[in-house]
């Protein structure tokens, strides 16, 4: 083609349909994603896949008008901080943050790039947002649980272990603080159960707390979901079994890996629900104007094999309410 014809052809683009002209000049947006887990984790891989598909349904297709910079932290807090710095340095249009530690690391690196979090326990108490209905800064997203869940988990524990006399709530204070403790203690008073707080930082702390619960009959355990307890779920489940302590967990991974009972949110659904927020921010809305939302879908997983090993007769109602039963 001659140069004159080429230039003339470009000039005729002004007469193309609006959609075609928009596609010609469409800017590729950059989305950063920082996950807590590593790239071999099947649940996180599914979550990212669900997000990618949900964004495509809204018109954001990887390779066409979106580039996704995905980083896996491998449950390493030092790596989380390094990757947060790296992602912010890329100056993406928006960043997706999985978990409280990831959101905190990103917040330390930027107060201007929009951040949408998923599965954060305490967005206000962690200082990520000023208020749930009006976050006010560059961060918004989808919380993990409301504070009242501490009481709900203890109610479930008392149902499946009716001889309960004392119960500990286990958490890492560096991640979730005392977020679930007030509702747990309120429920304990109502159930006439002695409440115990078990803040843990290591496998040794876990072992000490559970051994103490198992010394006398009537001990029970509530394990809150956070990055620390999820990573250390194997020693928690093992210690509970070894000391004959019934436990209720806030994430399904525990019951599927041998824990007694879990009641928690559909962690994949939160990623799907986050896609419209990413879409709205990419189209010009401010994260500070988008209210923090909490889960709408919950699932109960019951491990009957563990119940039998603990000598527990599962109430029929609990069995009926379970979304998944492991035998």
Protein backbone atom coordinates (compact mmCIF):
# COMPACT_ATOMS: atom_id res chain seq x y z
CA UNK A 1 0.00 0.00 0.00
CA UNK A 2 1.24 3.47 -0.89
CA UNK A 3 1.86 5.96 1.92
CA UNK A 4 -0.84 8.33 0.61
CA UNK A 5 -3.43 5.51 0.59
CA UNK A 6 -2.44 4.45 4.13
CA UNK A 7 -2.90 7.99 5.49
CA UNK A 8 -6.19 8.32 3.66
CA UNK A 9 -7.33 5.06 5.23
CA UNK A 10 -6.56 6.35 8.72
CA UNK A 11 -8.56 9.47 7.99
CA UNK A 12 -11.57 7.38 7.09
CA UNK A 13 -11.57 5.89 10.62
CA UNK A 14 -13.53 8.97 11.68
CA UNK A 15 -16.46 7.55 9.75
CA UNK A 16 -16.31 4.13 11.47
CA UNK A 17 -19.07 3.11 13.93
CA UNK A 18 -18.56 4.48 17.46
CA UNK A 19 -17.88 1.03 18.97
CA UNK A 20 -15.17 0.32 16.40
CA UNK A 21 -13.49 3.68 16.98
CA UNK A 22 -13.61 3.16 20.77
CA UNK A 23 -11.96 -0.23 20.36
CA UNK A 24 -9.18 1.35 18.27
CA UNK A 25 -8.14 3.70 21.08
CA UNK A 26 -9.10 1.57 24.09
CA UNK A 27 -6.46 1.75 26.81
CA UNK A 28 -5.29 -1.46 28.44
CA UNK A 29 -5.92 -1.24 32.19
CA UNK A 30 -3.57 -2.83 34.69
CA UNK A 31 -4.96 -4.82 37.63
CA UNK A 32 -2.60 -5.98 40.37
CA UNK A 33 -3.57 -9.04 42.43
CA UNK A 34 -1.74 -9.99 45.62
CA UNK A 35 -2.72 -13.27 47.27
CA UNK A 36 -1.65 -14.67 50.62
CA UNK A 37 -1.24 -18.25 49.44
CA UNK A 38 1.10 -19.82 46.86
CA UNK A 39 0.40 -20.73 43.25
CA UNK A 40 -0.21 -24.41 44.09
CA UNK A 41 -3.20 -23.66 46.34
CA UNK A 42 -6.30 -24.90 44.46
CA UNK A 43 -8.78 -22.68 46.32
CA UNK A 44 -6.90 -19.46 45.59
CA UNK A 45 -6.41 -20.50 41.96
CA UNK A 46 -10.18 -20.99 41.72
CA UNK A 47 -10.80 -17.60 43.34
CA UNK A 48 -8.58 -15.81 40.83
CA UNK A 49 -10.21 -17.72 37.97
CA UNK A 50 -13.67 -16.70 39.19
CA UNK A 51 -12.57 -13.05 39.40
CA UNK A 52 -11.13 -13.18 35.88
CA UNK A 53 -14.35 -14.65 34.47
CA UNK A 54 -16.57 -12.20 36.34
CA UNK A 55 -14.50 -9.28 35.00
CA UNK A 56 -14.76 -10.69 31.47
CA UNK A 57 -18.54 -10.79 31.86
CA UNK A 58 -18.37 -7.07 32.66
CA UNK A 59 -16.31 -6.30 29.56
CA UNK A 60 -12.75 -6.55 30.97
CA UNK A 61 -10.89 -9.27 29.09
CA UNK A 62 -7.30 -10.21 29.88
CA UNK A 63 -5.21 -9.74 26.75
CA UNK A 64 -7.62 -7.25 25.20
CA UNK A 65 -8.28 -4.33 27.52
CA UNK A 66 -6.88 -5.66 30.80
CA UNK A 67 -3.49 -6.85 31.99
CA UNK A 68 -3.39 -8.77 35.27
CA UNK A 69 -0.22 -8.71 37.40
CA UNK A 70 -0.64 -11.65 39.77
CA UNK A 71 1.63 -12.20 42.78
CA UNK A 72 1.63 -15.17 45.22
CA UNK A 73 3.04 -14.60 48.72
CA UNK A 74 3.23 -18.23 49.86
CA UNK A 75 2.00 -17.40 53.40
CA UNK A 76 5.22 -15.50 54.08
CA UNK A 77 4.69 -12.12 55.76
CA UNK A 78 8.07 -10.78 54.58
CA UNK A 79 7.26 -11.80 51.02
CA UNK A 80 3.85 -10.11 51.33
CA UNK A 81 5.57 -6.83 52.16
CA UNK A 82 8.09 -7.15 49.31
CA UNK A 83 5.42 -8.03 46.76
CA UNK A 84 3.19 -5.17 47.93
CA UNK A 85 6.05 -2.77 47.26
CA UNK A 86 6.69 -4.38 43.89
CA UNK A 87 3.05 -4.19 42.78
CA UNK A 88 2.65 -0.55 43.83
CA UNK A 89 5.83 0.24 41.90
CA UNK A 90 4.13 -1.01 38.73
CA UNK A 91 1.52 1.76 39.18
CA UNK A 92 -1.52 -0.37 38.29
CA UNK A 93 -4.96 1.17 37.89
CA UNK A 94 -6.27 -0.93 40.80
CA UNK A 95 -5.07 -3.69 43.15
CA UNK A 96 -7.00 -6.70 44.48
CA UNK A 97 -5.88 -7.66 47.99
CA UNK A 98 -6.55 -11.04 49.60
CA UNK A 99 -6.57 -11.02 53.43
CA UNK A 100 -5.80 -8.60 56.26
CA UNK A 101 -1.97 -8.81 56.10
CA UNK A 102 -1.97 -8.21 52.34
CA UNK A 103 -4.28 -5.20 52.63
CA UNK A 104 -2.16 -3.77 55.45
CA UNK A 105 1.04 -4.17 53.44
CA UNK A 106 -0.49 -2.46 50.41
CA UNK A 107 -1.89 0.38 52.51
CA UNK A 108 1.60 1.09 53.81
CA UNK A 109 2.82 1.45 50.22
CA UNK A 110 0.07 3.63 48.73
CA UNK A 111 -2.76 5.95 49.73
CA UNK A 112 -3.70 6.78 46.13
CA UNK A 113 -3.96 3.58 44.06
CA UNK A 114 -7.45 2.07 44.52
CA UNK A 115 -7.46 -1.18 46.52
CA UNK A 116 -10.33 -3.68 46.69
CA UNK A 117 -9.86 -6.25 49.46
CA UNK A 118 -11.48 -9.64 49.97
CA UNK A 119 -11.69 -11.74 53.13
CA UNK A 120 -10.58 -9.12 55.66
CA UNK A 121 -11.81 -9.72 59.21
CA UNK A 122 -11.93 -6.21 60.68
CA UNK A 123 -11.76 -3.43 58.05
CA UNK A 124 -12.54 -0.56 60.45
CA UNK A 125 -10.51 -1.83 63.41
CA UNK A 126 -7.55 -2.54 61.12
CA UNK A 127 -7.63 1.09 59.95
CA UNK A 128 -8.34 0.27 56.31
CA UNK A 129 -11.58 2.26 56.15
CA UNK A 130 -13.07 5.08 58.20
CA UNK A 131 -16.56 3.52 58.22
CA UNK A 132 -18.21 0.55 56.57
CA UNK A 133 -20.82 2.60 54.72
CA UNK A 134 -18.39 5.37 53.69
CA UNK A 135 -14.80 4.05 53.56
CA UNK A 136 -13.49 7.49 52.61
CA UNK A 137 -10.03 6.64 51.29
CA UNK A 138 -8.49 4.55 48.53
CA UNK A 139 -9.64 1.22 50.00
CA UNK A 140 -12.92 -0.70 50.04
CA UNK A 141 -13.95 -4.30 49.64
CA UNK A 142 -15.56 -7.40 51.06
CA UNK A 143 -15.15 -8.39 54.68
CA UNK A 144 -14.79 -11.94 55.94
CA UNK A 145 -17.17 -12.07 58.92
CA UNK A 146 -19.06 -9.68 61.12
CA UNK A 147 -18.00 -9.58 64.78
CA UNK A 148 -21.13 -11.47 65.89
CA UNK A 149 -19.76 -14.69 64.37
CA UNK A 150 -17.82 -15.43 67.57
CA UNK A 151 -21.12 -16.12 69.31
CA UNK A 152 -22.49 -18.14 66.39
CA UNK A 153 -19.49 -20.48 66.41
CA UNK A 154 -19.85 -21.07 70.15
CA UNK A 155 -23.59 -21.81 69.73
CA UNK A 156 -22.70 -24.48 67.16
CA UNK A 157 -20.04 -25.93 69.44
CA UNK A 158 -22.54 -26.24 72.30
CA UNK A 159 -24.99 -28.01 69.96
CA UNK A 160 -22.55 -30.67 68.84
CA UNK A 161 -20.86 -31.01 72.27
CA UNK A 162 -23.75 -30.62 74.77
CA UNK A 163 -21.55 -31.31 77.82
CA UNK A 164 -19.55 -28.13 77.19
CA UNK A 165 -18.33 -26.42 80.39
CA UNK A 166 -15.56 -24.15 79.14
CA UNK A 167 -14.49 -23.02 75.70
CA UNK A 168 -11.51 -21.20 74.26
CA UNK A 169 -11.53 -18.92 71.25
CA UNK A 170 -8.23 -19.24 69.36
CA UNK A 171 -6.84 -16.43 67.21
CA UNK A 172 -3.66 -14.64 66.26
CA UNK A 173 -3.91 -11.15 67.86
CA UNK A 174 -1.57 -9.64 65.27
CA UNK A 175 -4.13 -10.38 62.53
CA UNK A 176 -7.67 -10.29 63.94
CA UNK A 177 -7.14 -8.83 67.40
CA UNK A 178 -10.10 -9.17 69.79
CA UNK A 179 -12.65 -8.78 66.98
CA UNK A 180 -14.73 -11.91 67.70
CA UNK A 181 -14.14 -12.09 71.46
CA UNK A 182 -17.02 -9.86 72.73
CA UNK A 183 -19.75 -11.85 70.94
CA UNK A 184 -18.05 -15.10 71.99
CA UNK A 185 -18.08 -14.02 75.64
CA UNK A 186 -21.71 -12.86 75.44
CA UNK A 187 -22.74 -16.26 74.07
CA UNK A 188 -20.67 -18.00 76.76
CA UNK A 189 -22.56 -16.16 79.51
CA UNK A 190 -25.87 -17.15 77.95
CA UNK A 191 -24.79 -20.79 77.68
CA UNK A 192 -23.20 -20.79 81.15
CA UNK A 193 -19.86 -21.76 79.65
CA UNK A 194 -16.56 -20.41 80.97
CA UNK A 195 -14.94 -18.33 78.18
CA UNK A 196 -11.19 -18.48 77.56
CA UNK A 197 -9.15 -16.39 75.14
CA UNK A 198 -6.29 -18.26 73.49
CA UNK A 199 -4.08 -15.89 71.52
CA UNK A 200 -1.46 -17.87 69.62
CA UNK A 201 1.70 -17.05 67.69
CA UNK A 202 3.31 -20.48 67.29
CA UNK A 203 2.76 -24.23 67.25
CA UNK A 204 3.90 -24.29 70.89
CA UNK A 205 1.15 -21.80 71.83
CA UNK A 206 -1.41 -23.94 70.00
CA UNK A 207 -0.30 -27.11 71.77
CA UNK A 208 -0.32 -25.45 75.22
CA UNK A 209 -3.83 -24.02 74.80
CA UNK A 210 -5.39 -27.26 73.58
CA UNK A 211 -3.67 -29.47 76.16
CA UNK A 212 -5.13 -27.21 78.88
CA UNK A 213 -8.63 -27.60 77.40
CA UNK A 214 -8.33 -31.38 77.30
CA UNK A 215 -7.16 -31.91 80.89
CA UNK A 216 -10.75 -32.24 82.16
CA UNK A 217 -13.99 -33.22 80.40
CA UNK A 218 -16.14 -30.41 79.01
CA UNK A 219 -13.51 -28.40 77.15
CA UNK A 220 -14.18 -27.07 73.65
CA UNK A 221 -12.49 -24.88 71.07
CA UNK A 222 -13.51 -22.21 68.56
CA UNK A 223 -10.84 -21.45 65.94
CA UNK A 224 -11.24 -18.16 64.11
CA UNK A 225 -10.23 -17.95 60.45
CA UNK A 226 -7.09 -15.94 59.76
CA UNK A 227 -3.91 -16.46 57.78
CA UNK A 228 -2.06 -17.85 60.81
CA UNK A 229 -4.66 -20.44 61.85
CA UNK A 230 -5.19 -21.55 58.25
CA UNK A 231 -1.46 -22.11 57.74
CA UNK A 232 -1.24 -23.92 61.09
CA UNK A 233 -4.44 -25.92 60.73
CA UNK A 234 -2.65 -29.30 60.71
CA UNK A 235 -1.16 -28.91 64.24
CA UNK A 236 -4.47 -27.44 65.50
CA UNK A 237 -6.52 -30.38 64.17
CA UNK A 238 -3.96 -32.91 65.42
CA UNK A 239 -3.78 -31.41 68.93
CA UNK A 240 -7.60 -31.27 69.18
CA UNK A 241 -7.86 -34.96 68.20
CA UNK A 242 -5.03 -36.05 70.49
CA UNK A 243 -6.55 -34.23 73.50
CA UNK A 244 -10.16 -35.20 72.72
CA UNK A 245 -11.27 -31.57 72.34
CA UNK A 246 -14.29 -30.87 70.09
CA UNK A 247 -13.70 -27.81 67.91
CA UNK A 248 -15.65 -25.59 65.55
CA UNK A 249 -13.73 -23.74 62.85
CA UNK A 250 -14.43 -20.66 60.77
CA UNK A 251 -13.14 -22.03 57.45
CA UNK A 252 -14.13 -25.21 55.55
CA UNK A 253 -10.50 -26.29 55.02
CA UNK A 254 -10.38 -27.39 58.66
CA UNK A 255 -13.29 -29.84 58.53
CA UNK A 256 -12.15 -31.21 55.17
CA UNK A 257 -8.70 -31.81 56.66
CA UNK A 258 -10.03 -33.69 59.70
CA UNK A 259 -11.54 -31.03 61.99
CA UNK A 260 -14.95 -31.65 63.55
CA UNK A 261 -17.18 -28.88 62.18
CA UNK A 262 -16.75 -25.68 60.19
CA UNK A 263 -19.16 -22.85 59.54
CA UNK A 264 -18.00 -20.08 57.30
CA UNK A 265 -18.37 -18.04 54.19
CA UNK A 266 -18.05 -19.15 50.60
CA UNK A 267 -14.58 -17.68 50.03
CA UNK A 268 -14.87 -18.01 46.27
CA UNK A 269 -18.12 -16.03 46.16
CA UNK A 270 -16.42 -12.98 47.71
CA UNK A 271 -14.06 -12.81 44.71
CA UNK A 272 -17.01 -12.99 42.32
CA UNK A 273 -18.78 -10.19 44.18
CA UNK A 274 -15.63 -8.05 44.08
CA UNK A 275 -15.61 -7.91 40.27
CA UNK A 276 -18.36 -5.24 39.99
CA UNK A 277 -16.41 -3.00 42.40
CA UNK A 278 -13.30 -3.35 40.23
CA UNK A 279 -15.45 -2.54 37.19
CA UNK A 280 -17.00 0.55 38.80
CA UNK A 281 -13.63 1.91 39.93
CA UNK A 282 -12.07 1.35 36.51
CA UNK A 283 -15.00 3.32 35.07
CA UNK A 284 -14.35 6.28 37.35
CA UNK A 285 -16.03 5.72 40.72
CA UNK A 286 -14.04 6.27 43.91
CA UNK A 287 -13.37 3.38 46.30
CA UNK A 288 -14.10 5.69 49.23
CA UNK A 289 -17.70 5.99 48.03
CA UNK A 290 -18.32 2.22 47.76
CA UNK A 291 -19.48 0.66 51.05
CA UNK A 292 -17.71 -2.34 52.53
CA UNK A 293 -19.87 -5.44 52.15
CA UNK A 294 -20.00 -8.70 54.09
CA UNK A 295 -20.69 -12.24 52.86
CA UNK A 296 -24.14 -13.43 51.89
CA UNK A 297 -23.37 -17.13 51.41
CA UNK A 298 -22.31 -19.47 54.22
CA UNK A 299 -21.53 -23.19 54.28
CA UNK A 300 -21.34 -25.80 57.02
CA UNK A 301 -19.02 -28.78 56.69
CA UNK A 302 -19.38 -31.68 59.16
CA UNK A 303 -16.78 -34.41 59.57
CA UNK A 304 -18.69 -37.45 60.87
CA UNK A 305 -15.54 -39.54 61.11
CA UNK A 306 -14.06 -37.04 63.58
CA UNK A 307 -17.34 -36.83 65.51
CA UNK A 308 -17.31 -40.61 65.99
CA UNK A 309 -13.65 -40.54 67.08
CA UNK A 310 -14.57 -37.93 69.72
CA UNK A 311 -17.55 -40.02 70.88
CA UNK A 312 -20.08 -37.37 69.87
CA UNK A 313 -23.63 -38.11 68.75
CA UNK A 314 -24.35 -35.48 66.11
CA UNK A 315 -27.81 -33.93 66.59
CA UNK A 316 -30.15 -34.62 63.64
CA UNK A 317 -30.70 -30.88 63.13
CA UNK A 318 -26.95 -30.27 62.78
CA UNK A 319 -26.73 -33.11 60.28
CA UNK A 320 -29.61 -31.69 58.25
CA UNK A 321 -28.11 -28.19 58.19
CA UNK A 322 -24.71 -29.36 56.97
CA UNK A 323 -23.97 -28.45 53.35
CA UNK A 324 -21.26 -31.11 53.19
CA UNK A 325 -20.86 -34.25 55.30
CA UNK A 326 -17.57 -36.13 55.37
CA UNK A 327 -17.87 -39.79 56.36
